[in-house]
Amino acid sequence: MVALAGTQIWWTFSVEDVFNRVATGDKYAMKLELAKESKDLTDLVALVRESIPPLLRRSVNTLIILDVHARDIVDAFVRDSILSAKEF
């Protein structure tokens, strides 16, 4: 449970950082974040396909669900050209 809460806090921090980088002129920061999140999700899917203990599998499955939602949010930011945290 702590790990799941930690991932949400880290994702929020990462997206805030991306908005700050966009504000300072890095116009590709959000697209890079989307690519990073997609790779992280692919890595989790590869992990869950391996032989892992049931408790770890349950945690990874939960992380996959959360990461898909997070990736979809960042994808919407890219698609809708959201450049500030105050725009949504």
PDB file of N, CA and C in Angstrom:
ATOM      1  N   MET A   1       0.817  -1.188   0.000  1.00  0.00           N
ATOM      2  CA  MET A   1       0.000   0.000   0.000  1.00  0.00           C
ATOM      3  C   MET A   1       0.865   1.258   0.000  1.00  0.00           C
ATOM      4  N   VAL A   2       1.945   1.212   0.778  1.00  0.00           N
ATOM      5  CA  VAL A   2       2.849   2.360   0.841  1.00  0.00           C
ATOM      6  C   VAL A   2       3.492   2.600  -0.521  1.00  0.00           C
ATOM      7  N   ALA A   3       3.869   1.520  -1.188  1.00  0.00           N
ATOM      8  CA  ALA A   3       4.490   1.661  -2.516  1.00  0.00           C
ATOM      9  C   ALA A   3       3.511   2.278  -3.510  1.00  0.00           C
ATOM     10  N   LEU A   4       2.254   1.884  -3.432  1.00  0.00           N
ATOM     11  CA  LEU A   4       1.251   2.423  -4.345  1.00  0.00           C
ATOM     12  C   LEU A   4       1.032   3.915  -4.098  1.00  0.00           C
ATOM     13  N   ALA A   5       0.969   4.302  -2.832  1.00  0.00           N
ATOM     14  CA  ALA A   5       0.823   5.724  -2.503  1.00  0.00           C
ATOM     15  C   ALA A   5       2.058   6.493  -2.955  1.00  0.00           C
ATOM     16  N   GLY A   6       3.224   5.893  -2.758  1.00  0.00           N
ATOM     17  CA  GLY A   6       4.465   6.533  -3.185  1.00  0.00           C
ATOM     18  C   GLY A   6       4.520   6.771  -4.680  1.00  0.00           C
ATOM     19  N   THR A   7       4.023   5.814  -5.466  1.00  0.00           N
ATOM     20  CA  THR A   7       4.046   5.993  -6.921  1.00  0.00           C
ATOM     21  C   THR A   7       3.145   7.143  -7.346  1.00  0.00           C
ATOM     22  N   GLN A   8       2.038   7.317  -6.651  1.00  0.00           N
ATOM     23  CA  GLN A   8       1.138   8.419  -6.992  1.00  0.00           C
ATOM     24  C   GLN A   8       1.753   9.770  -6.640  1.00  0.00           C
ATOM     25  N   ILE A   9       2.426   9.823  -5.509  1.00  0.00           N
ATOM     26  CA  ILE A   9       3.115  11.057  -5.121  1.00  0.00           C
ATOM     27  C   ILE A   9       4.221  11.362  -6.122  1.00  0.00           C
ATOM     28  N   TRP A  10       4.984  10.345  -6.506  1.00  0.00           N
ATOM     29  CA  TRP A  10       6.075  10.547  -7.460  1.00  0.00           C
ATOM     30  C   TRP A  10       5.537  10.996  -8.811  1.00  0.00           C
ATOM     31  N   TRP A  11       4.438  10.400  -9.273  1.00  0.00           N
ATOM     32  CA  TRP A  11       3.857  10.796 -10.563  1.00  0.00           C
ATOM     33  C   TRP A  11       3.418  12.259 -10.513  1.00  0.00           C
ATOM     34  N   THR A  12       2.781  12.658  -9.430  1.00  0.00           N
ATOM     35  CA  THR A  12       2.341  14.048  -9.291  1.00  0.00           C
ATOM     36  C   THR A  12       3.534  14.994  -9.340  1.00  0.00           C
ATOM     37  N   PHE A  13       4.605  14.652  -8.625  1.00  0.00           N
ATOM     38  CA  PHE A  13       5.825  15.456  -8.643  1.00  0.00           C
ATOM     39  C   PHE A  13       6.397  15.528 -10.062  1.00  0.00           C
ATOM     40  N   SER A  14       6.437  14.392 -10.755  1.00  0.00           N
ATOM     41  CA  SER A  14       6.993  14.356 -12.112  1.00  0.00           C
ATOM     42  C   SER A  14       6.211  15.237 -13.072  1.00  0.00           C
ATOM     43  N   VAL A  15       4.891  15.173 -12.999  1.00  0.00           N
ATOM     44  CA  VAL A  15       4.067  15.979 -13.905  1.00  0.00           C
ATOM     45  C   VAL A  15       4.206  17.466 -13.582  1.00  0.00           C
ATOM     46  N   GLU A  16       4.265  17.802 -12.303  1.00  0.00           N
ATOM     47  CA  GLU A  16       4.510  19.201 -11.917  1.00  0.00           C
ATOM     48  C   GLU A  16       5.848  19.673 -12.470  1.00  0.00           C
ATOM     49  N   ASP A  17       6.862  18.828 -12.390  1.00  0.00           N
ATOM     50  CA  ASP A  17       8.175  19.171 -12.928  1.00  0.00           C
ATOM     51  C   ASP A  17       8.111  19.376 -14.444  1.00  0.00           C
ATOM     52  N   VAL A  18       7.348  18.556 -15.113  1.00  0.00           N
ATOM     53  CA  VAL A  18       7.197  18.712 -16.565  1.00  0.00           C
ATOM     54  C   VAL A  18       6.535  20.045 -16.886  1.00  0.00           C
ATOM     55  N   PHE A  19       5.497  20.403 -16.147  1.00  0.00           N
ATOM     56  CA  PHE A  19       4.861  21.701 -16.372  1.00  0.00           C
ATOM     57  C   PHE A  19       5.856  22.840 -16.154  1.00  0.00           C
ATOM     58  N   ASN A  20       6.715  22.707 -15.148  1.00  0.00           N
ATOM     59  CA  ASN A  20       7.737  23.735 -14.907  1.00  0.00           C
ATOM     60  C   ASN A  20       8.739  23.796 -16.062  1.00  0.00           C
ATOM     61  N   ARG A  21       9.134  22.639 -16.589  1.00  0.00           N
ATOM     62  CA  ARG A  21      10.062  22.627 -17.736  1.00  0.00           C
ATOM     63  C   ARG A  21       9.412  23.230 -18.965  1.00  0.00           C
ATOM     64  N   VAL A  22       8.129  22.963 -19.168  1.00  0.00           N
ATOM     65  CA  VAL A  22       7.413  23.568 -20.303  1.00  0.00           C
ATOM     66  C   VAL A  22       7.388  25.085 -20.143  1.00  0.00           C
ATOM     67  N   ALA A  23       7.155  25.550 -18.927  1.00  0.00           N
ATOM     68  CA  ALA A  23       7.095  26.996 -18.669  1.00  0.00           C
ATOM     69  C   ALA A  23       8.436  27.673 -18.921  1.00  0.00           C
ATOM     70  N   THR A  24       9.533  26.928 -18.776  1.00  0.00           N
ATOM     71  CA  THR A  24      10.844  27.517 -19.023  1.00  0.00           C
ATOM     72  C   THR A  24      11.326  27.322 -20.452  1.00  0.00           C
ATOM     73  N   GLY A  25      10.449  26.800 -21.314  1.00  0.00           N
ATOM     74  CA  GLY A  25      10.778  26.735 -22.733  1.00  0.00           C
ATOM     75  C   GLY A  25      11.009  25.364 -23.333  1.00  0.00           C
ATOM     76  N   ASP A  26      10.965  24.312 -22.537  1.00  0.00           N
ATOM     77  CA  ASP A  26      11.155  22.959 -23.070  1.00  0.00           C
ATOM     78  C   ASP A  26       9.827  22.454 -23.623  1.00  0.00           C
ATOM     79  N   LYS A  27       9.564  22.754 -24.895  1.00  0.00           N
ATOM     80  CA  LYS A  27       8.254  22.447 -25.461  1.00  0.00           C
ATOM     81  C   LYS A  27       8.011  20.955 -25.689  1.00  0.00           C
ATOM     82  N   TYR A  28       9.054  20.139 -25.600  1.00  0.00           N
ATOM     83  CA  TYR A  28       8.895  18.697 -25.807  1.00  0.00           C
ATOM     84  C   TYR A  28       8.869  17.913 -24.493  1.00  0.00           C
ATOM     85  N   ALA A  29       8.874  18.608 -23.368  1.00  0.00           N
ATOM     86  CA  ALA A  29       8.944  17.934 -22.064  1.00  0.00           C
ATOM     87  C   ALA A  29       7.772  16.985 -21.839  1.00  0.00           C
ATOM     88  N   MET A  30       6.566  17.398 -22.202  1.00  0.00           N
ATOM     89  CA  MET A  30       5.395  16.546 -21.964  1.00  0.00           C
ATOM     90  C   MET A  30       5.435  15.312 -22.867  1.00  0.00           C
ATOM     91  N   LYS A  31       5.893  15.469 -24.094  1.00  0.00           N
ATOM     92  CA  LYS A  31       6.006  14.308 -24.979  1.00  0.00           C
ATOM     93  C   LYS A  31       7.060  13.337 -24.467  1.00  0.00           C
ATOM     94  N   LEU A  32       8.143  13.865 -23.918  1.00  0.00           N
ATOM     95  CA  LEU A  32       9.169  12.998 -23.339  1.00  0.00           C
ATOM     96  C   LEU A  32       8.628  12.262 -22.116  1.00  0.00           C
ATOM     97  N   GLU A  33       7.827  12.949 -21.315  1.00  0.00           N
ATOM     98  CA  GLU A  33       7.205  12.306 -20.145  1.00  0.00           C
ATOM     99  C   GLU A  33       6.260  11.192 -20.600  1.00  0.00           C
ATOM    100  N   LEU A  34       5.510  11.436 -21.648  1.00  0.00           N
ATOM    101  CA  LEU A  34       4.609  10.410 -22.180  1.00  0.00           C
ATOM    102  C   LEU A  34       5.397   9.191 -22.642  1.00  0.00           C
ATOM    103  N   ALA A  35       6.500   9.405 -23.325  1.00  0.00           N
ATOM    104  CA  ALA A  35       7.336   8.296 -23.784  1.00  0.00           C
ATOM    105  C   ALA A  35       7.910   7.521 -22.597  1.00  0.00           C
ATOM    106  N   LYS A  36       8.351   8.237 -21.548  1.00  0.00           N
ATOM    107  CA  LYS A  36       8.896   7.597 -20.356  1.00  0.00           C
ATOM    108  C   LYS A  36       7.832   6.754 -19.668  1.00  0.00           C
ATOM    109  N   GLU A  37       6.634   7.307 -19.528  1.00  0.00           N
ATOM    110  CA  GLU A  37       5.566   6.563 -18.869  1.00  0.00           C
ATOM    111  C   GLU A  37       5.155   5.332 -19.681  1.00  0.00           C
ATOM    112  N   SER A  38       5.163   5.456 -20.999  1.00  0.00           N
ATOM    113  CA  SER A  38       4.834   4.304 -21.841  1.00  0.00           C
ATOM    114  C   SER A  38       5.878   3.206 -21.689  1.00  0.00           C
ATOM    115  N   LYS A  39       7.165   3.589 -21.621  1.00  0.00           N
ATOM    116  CA  LYS A  39       8.227   2.599 -21.428  1.00  0.00           C
ATOM    117  C   LYS A  39       8.111   1.940 -20.059  1.00  0.00           C
ATOM    118  N   ASP A  40       7.844   2.735 -19.026  1.00  0.00           N
ATOM    119  CA  ASP A  40       7.678   2.175 -17.680  1.00  0.00           C
ATOM    120  C   ASP A  40       6.524   1.169 -17.645  1.00  0.00           C
ATOM    121  N   LEU A  41       5.456   1.484 -18.336  1.00  0.00           N
ATOM    122  CA  LEU A  41       4.306   0.590 -18.395  1.00  0.00           C
ATOM    123  C   LEU A  41       4.668  -0.706 -19.123  1.00  0.00           C
ATOM    124  N   THR A  42       5.412  -0.594 -20.195  1.00  0.00           N
ATOM    125  CA  THR A  42       5.853  -1.774 -20.941  1.00  0.00           C
ATOM    126  C   THR A  42       6.734  -2.656 -20.056  1.00  0.00           C
ATOM    127  N   ASP A  43       7.588  -2.029 -19.255  1.00  0.00           N
ATOM    128  CA  ASP A  43       8.446  -2.789 -18.340  1.00  0.00           C
ATOM    129  C   ASP A  43       7.624  -3.536 -17.290  1.00  0.00           C
ATOM    130  N   LEU A  44       6.576  -2.899 -16.774  1.00  0.00           N
ATOM    131  CA  LEU A  44       5.714  -3.567 -15.797  1.00  0.00           C
ATOM    132  C   LEU A  44       4.971  -4.748 -16.419  1.00  0.00           C
ATOM    133  N   VAL A  45       4.514  -4.573 -17.642  1.00  0.00           N
ATOM    134  CA  VAL A  45       3.822  -5.665 -18.330  1.00  0.00           C
ATOM    135  C   VAL A  45       4.775  -6.839 -18.531  1.00  0.00           C
ATOM    136  N   ALA A  46       6.021  -6.549 -18.894  1.00  0.00           N
ATOM    137  CA  ALA A  46       7.011  -7.619 -19.057  1.00  0.00           C
ATOM    138  C   ALA A  46       7.253  -8.333 -17.732  1.00  0.00           C
ATOM    139  N   LEU A  47       7.284  -7.585 -16.635  1.00  0.00           N
ATOM    140  CA  LEU A  47       7.499  -8.184 -15.317  1.00  0.00           C
ATOM    141  C   LEU A  47       6.350  -9.110 -14.928  1.00  0.00           C
ATOM    142  N   VAL A  48       5.123  -8.686 -15.184  1.00  0.00           N
ATOM    143  CA  VAL A  48       3.972  -9.493 -14.778  1.00  0.00           C
ATOM    144  C   VAL A  48       3.857 -10.769 -15.615  1.00  0.00           C
ATOM    145  N   ARG A  49       4.507 -10.799 -16.753  1.00  0.00           N
ATOM    146  CA  ARG A  49       4.491 -12.005 -17.587  1.00  0.00           C
ATOM    147  C   ARG A  49       5.493 -13.059 -17.112  1.00  0.00           C
ATOM    148  N   GLU A  50       6.373 -12.654 -16.208  1.00  0.00           N
ATOM    149  CA  GLU A  50       7.352 -13.589 -15.659  1.00  0.00           C
ATOM    150  C   GLU A  50       6.733 -14.381 -14.511  1.00  0.00           C
ATOM    151  N   SER A  51       7.464 -15.360 -14.054  1.00  0.00           N
ATOM    152  CA  SER A  51       7.025 -16.154 -12.908  1.00  0.00           C
ATOM    153  C   SER A  51       7.411 -15.396 -11.637  1.00  0.00           C
ATOM    154  N   ILE A  52       6.424 -14.767 -11.013  1.00  0.00           N
ATOM    155  CA  ILE A  52       6.662 -13.990  -9.798  1.00  0.00           C
ATOM    156  C   ILE A  52       5.672 -14.433  -8.725  1.00  0.00           C
ATOM    157  N   PRO A  53       5.993 -14.180  -7.469  1.00  0.00           N
ATOM    158  CA  PRO A  53       5.090 -14.580  -6.371  1.00  0.00           C
ATOM    159  C   PRO A  53       3.720 -13.894  -6.495  1.00  0.00           C
ATOM    160  N   PRO A  54       2.670 -14.552  -6.019  1.00  0.00           N
ATOM    161  CA  PRO A  54       1.310 -14.011  -6.151  1.00  0.00           C
ATOM    162  C   PRO A  54       1.118 -12.612  -5.568  1.00  0.00           C
ATOM    163  N   LEU A  55       1.713 -12.341  -4.424  1.00  0.00           N
ATOM    164  CA  LEU A  55       1.555 -11.016  -3.818  1.00  0.00           C
ATOM    165  C   LEU A  55       2.213  -9.936  -4.677  1.00  0.00           C
ATOM    166  N   LEU A  56       3.399 -10.223  -5.200  1.00  0.00           N
ATOM    167  CA  LEU A  56       4.067  -9.281  -6.091  1.00  0.00           C
ATOM    168  C   LEU A  56       3.256  -9.093  -7.372  1.00  0.00           C
ATOM    169  N   ARG A  57       2.701 -10.182  -7.893  1.00  0.00           N
ATOM    170  CA  ARG A  57       1.872 -10.099  -9.104  1.00  0.00           C
ATOM    171  C   ARG A  57       0.671  -9.185  -8.878  1.00  0.00           C
ATOM    172  N   ARG A  58       0.044  -9.297  -7.721  1.00  0.00           N
ATOM    173  CA  ARG A  58      -1.109  -8.452  -7.408  1.00  0.00           C
ATOM    174  C   ARG A  58      -0.689  -6.976  -7.345  1.00  0.00           C
ATOM    175  N   SER A  59       0.446  -6.719  -6.722  1.00  0.00           N
ATOM    176  CA  SER A  59       0.941  -5.337  -6.630  1.00  0.00           C
ATOM    177  C   SER A  59       1.288  -4.781  -8.006  1.00  0.00           C
ATOM    178  N   VAL A  60       1.943  -5.575  -8.823  1.00  0.00           N
ATOM    179  CA  VAL A  60       2.317  -5.123 -10.166  1.00  0.00           C
ATOM    180  C   VAL A  60       1.059  -4.885 -11.003  1.00  0.00           C
ATOM    181  N   ASN A  61       0.064  -5.752 -10.874  1.00  0.00           N
ATOM    182  CA  ASN A  61      -1.188  -5.541 -11.608  1.00  0.00           C
ATOM    183  C   ASN A  61      -1.837  -4.220 -11.205  1.00  0.00           C
ATOM    184  N   THR A  62      -1.817  -3.914  -9.917  1.00  0.00           N
ATOM    185  CA  THR A  62      -2.371  -2.640  -9.447  1.00  0.00           C
ATOM    186  C   THR A  62      -1.569  -1.472 -10.005  1.00  0.00           C
ATOM    187  N   LEU A  63      -0.244  -1.600 -10.002  1.00  0.00           N
ATOM    188  CA  LEU A  63       0.600  -0.550 -10.582  1.00  0.00           C
ATOM    189  C   LEU A  63       0.313  -0.346 -12.062  1.00  0.00           C
ATOM    190  N   ILE A  64       0.065  -1.433 -12.771  1.00  0.00           N
ATOM    191  CA  ILE A  64      -0.255  -1.321 -14.202  1.00  0.00           C
ATOM    192  C   ILE A  64      -1.534  -0.510 -14.384  1.00  0.00           C
ATOM    193  N   ILE A  65      -2.552  -0.808 -13.590  1.00  0.00           N
ATOM    194  CA  ILE A  65      -3.815  -0.067 -13.689  1.00  0.00           C
ATOM    195  C   ILE A  65      -3.588   1.415 -13.425  1.00  0.00           C
ATOM    196  N   LEU A  66      -2.853   1.734 -12.372  1.00  0.00           N
ATOM    197  CA  LEU A  66      -2.579   3.132 -12.041  1.00  0.00           C
ATOM    198  C   LEU A  66      -1.738   3.807 -13.125  1.00  0.00           C
ATOM    199  N   ASP A  67      -0.745   3.083 -13.642  1.00  0.00           N
ATOM    200  CA  ASP A  67       0.125   3.668 -14.670  1.00  0.00           C
ATOM    201  C   ASP A  67      -0.598   3.886 -15.991  1.00  0.00           C
ATOM    202  N   VAL A  68      -1.529   3.006 -16.330  1.00  0.00           N
ATOM    203  CA  VAL A  68      -2.318   3.224 -17.547  1.00  0.00           C
ATOM    204  C   VAL A  68      -3.136   4.503 -17.400  1.00  0.00           C
ATOM    205  N   HIS A  69      -3.741   4.689 -16.250  1.00  0.00           N
ATOM    206  CA  HIS A  69      -4.520   5.906 -16.009  1.00  0.00           C
ATOM    207  C   HIS A  69      -3.617   7.143 -16.072  1.00  0.00           C
ATOM    208  N   ALA A  70      -2.456   7.067 -15.432  1.00  0.00           N
ATOM    209  CA  ALA A  70      -1.522   8.200 -15.445  1.00  0.00           C
ATOM    210  C   ALA A  70      -1.043   8.500 -16.863  1.00  0.00           C
ATOM    211  N   ARG A  71      -0.719   7.451 -17.612  1.00  0.00           N
ATOM    212  CA  ARG A  71      -0.271   7.644 -18.991  1.00  0.00           C
ATOM    213  C   ARG A  71      -1.374   8.282 -19.839  1.00  0.00           C
ATOM    214  N   ASP A  72      -2.608   7.862 -19.636  1.00  0.00           N
ATOM    215  CA  ASP A  72      -3.726   8.436 -20.381  1.00  0.00           C
ATOM    216  C   ASP A  72      -3.919   9.917 -20.062  1.00  0.00           C
ATOM    217  N   ILE A  73      -3.678  10.291 -18.824  1.00  0.00           N
ATOM    218  CA  ILE A  73      -3.781  11.706 -18.458  1.00  0.00           C
ATOM    219  C   ILE A  73      -2.711  12.519 -19.168  1.00  0.00           C
ATOM    220  N   VAL A  74      -1.476  12.033 -19.149  1.00  0.00           N
ATOM    221  CA  VAL A  74      -0.383  12.739 -19.823  1.00  0.00           C
ATOM    222  C   VAL A  74      -0.630  12.755 -21.333  1.00  0.00           C
ATOM    223  N   ASP A  75      -1.172  11.674 -21.870  1.00  0.00           N
ATOM    224  CA  ASP A  75      -1.512  11.633 -23.297  1.00  0.00           C
ATOM    225  C   ASP A  75      -2.546  12.707 -23.629  1.00  0.00           C
ATOM    226  N   ALA A  76      -3.513  12.899 -22.760  1.00  0.00           N
ATOM    227  CA  ALA A  76      -4.519  13.952 -22.978  1.00  0.00           C
ATOM    228  C   ALA A  76      -3.873  15.338 -22.909  1.00  0.00           C
ATOM    229  N   PHE A  77      -2.891  15.509 -22.013  1.00  0.00           N
ATOM    230  CA  PHE A  77      -2.170  16.785 -21.956  1.00  0.00           C
ATOM    231  C   PHE A  77      -1.469  17.064 -23.282  1.00  0.00           C
ATOM    232  N   VAL A  78      -0.840  16.052 -23.840  1.00  0.00           N
ATOM    233  CA  VAL A  78      -0.144  16.213 -25.125  1.00  0.00           C
ATOM    234  C   VAL A  78      -1.160  16.471 -26.228  1.00  0.00           C
ATOM    235  N   ARG A  79      -2.201  15.667 -26.276  1.00  0.00           N
ATOM    236  CA  ARG A  79      -3.214  15.776 -27.331  1.00  0.00           C
ATOM    237  C   ARG A  79      -3.911  17.130 -27.308  1.00  0.00           C
ATOM    238  N   ASP A  80      -4.229  17.630 -26.109  1.00  0.00           N
ATOM    239  CA  ASP A  80      -4.972  18.883 -25.984  1.00  0.00           C
ATOM    240  C   ASP A  80      -4.073  20.102 -25.793  1.00  0.00           C
ATOM    241  N   SER A  81      -2.767  19.900 -25.901  1.00  0.00           N
ATOM    242  CA  SER A  81      -1.774  20.978 -25.751  1.00  0.00           C
ATOM    243  C   SER A  81      -1.920  21.712 -24.419  1.00  0.00           C
ATOM    244  N   ILE A  82      -2.058  20.958 -23.349  1.00  0.00           N
ATOM    245  CA  ILE A  82      -2.122  21.543 -22.011  1.00  0.00           C
ATOM    246  C   ILE A  82      -0.687  21.908 -21.623  1.00  0.00           C
ATOM    247  N   LEU A  83      -0.453  23.185 -21.357  1.00  0.00           N
ATOM    248  CA  LEU A  83       0.888  23.654 -21.075  1.00  0.00           C
ATOM    249  C   LEU A  83       1.065  24.147 -19.643  1.00  0.00           C
ATOM    250  N   SER A  84       0.007  24.135 -18.855  1.00  0.00           N
ATOM    251  CA  SER A  84       0.072  24.613 -17.480  1.00  0.00           C
ATOM    252  C   SER A  84      -0.844  23.758 -16.608  1.00  0.00           C
ATOM    253  N   ALA A  85      -0.445  23.578 -15.363  1.00  0.00           N
ATOM    254  CA  ALA A  85      -1.270  22.809 -14.423  1.00  0.00           C
ATOM    255  C   ALA A  85      -2.599  23.485 -14.160  1.00  0.00           C
ATOM    256  N   LYS A  86      -2.701  24.761 -14.441  1.00  0.00           N
ATOM    257  CA  LYS A  86      -3.937  25.514 -14.189  1.00  0.00           C
ATOM    258  C   LYS A  86      -4.926  25.408 -15.347  1.00  0.00           C
ATOM    259  N   GLU A  87      -4.563  24.703 -16.417  1.00  0.00           N
ATOM    260  CA  GLU A  87      -5.427  24.603 -17.590  1.00  0.00           C
ATOM    261  C   GLU A  87      -6.414  23.439 -17.537  1.00  0.00           C
ATOM    262  N   PHE A  88      -6.334  22.600 -16.546  1.00  0.00           N
ATOM    263  CA  PHE A  88      -7.270  21.485 -16.487  1.00  0.00           C
ATOM    264  C   PHE A  88      -7.977  21.407 -15.177  1.00  0.00           C
TER     265      PHE A  88
END
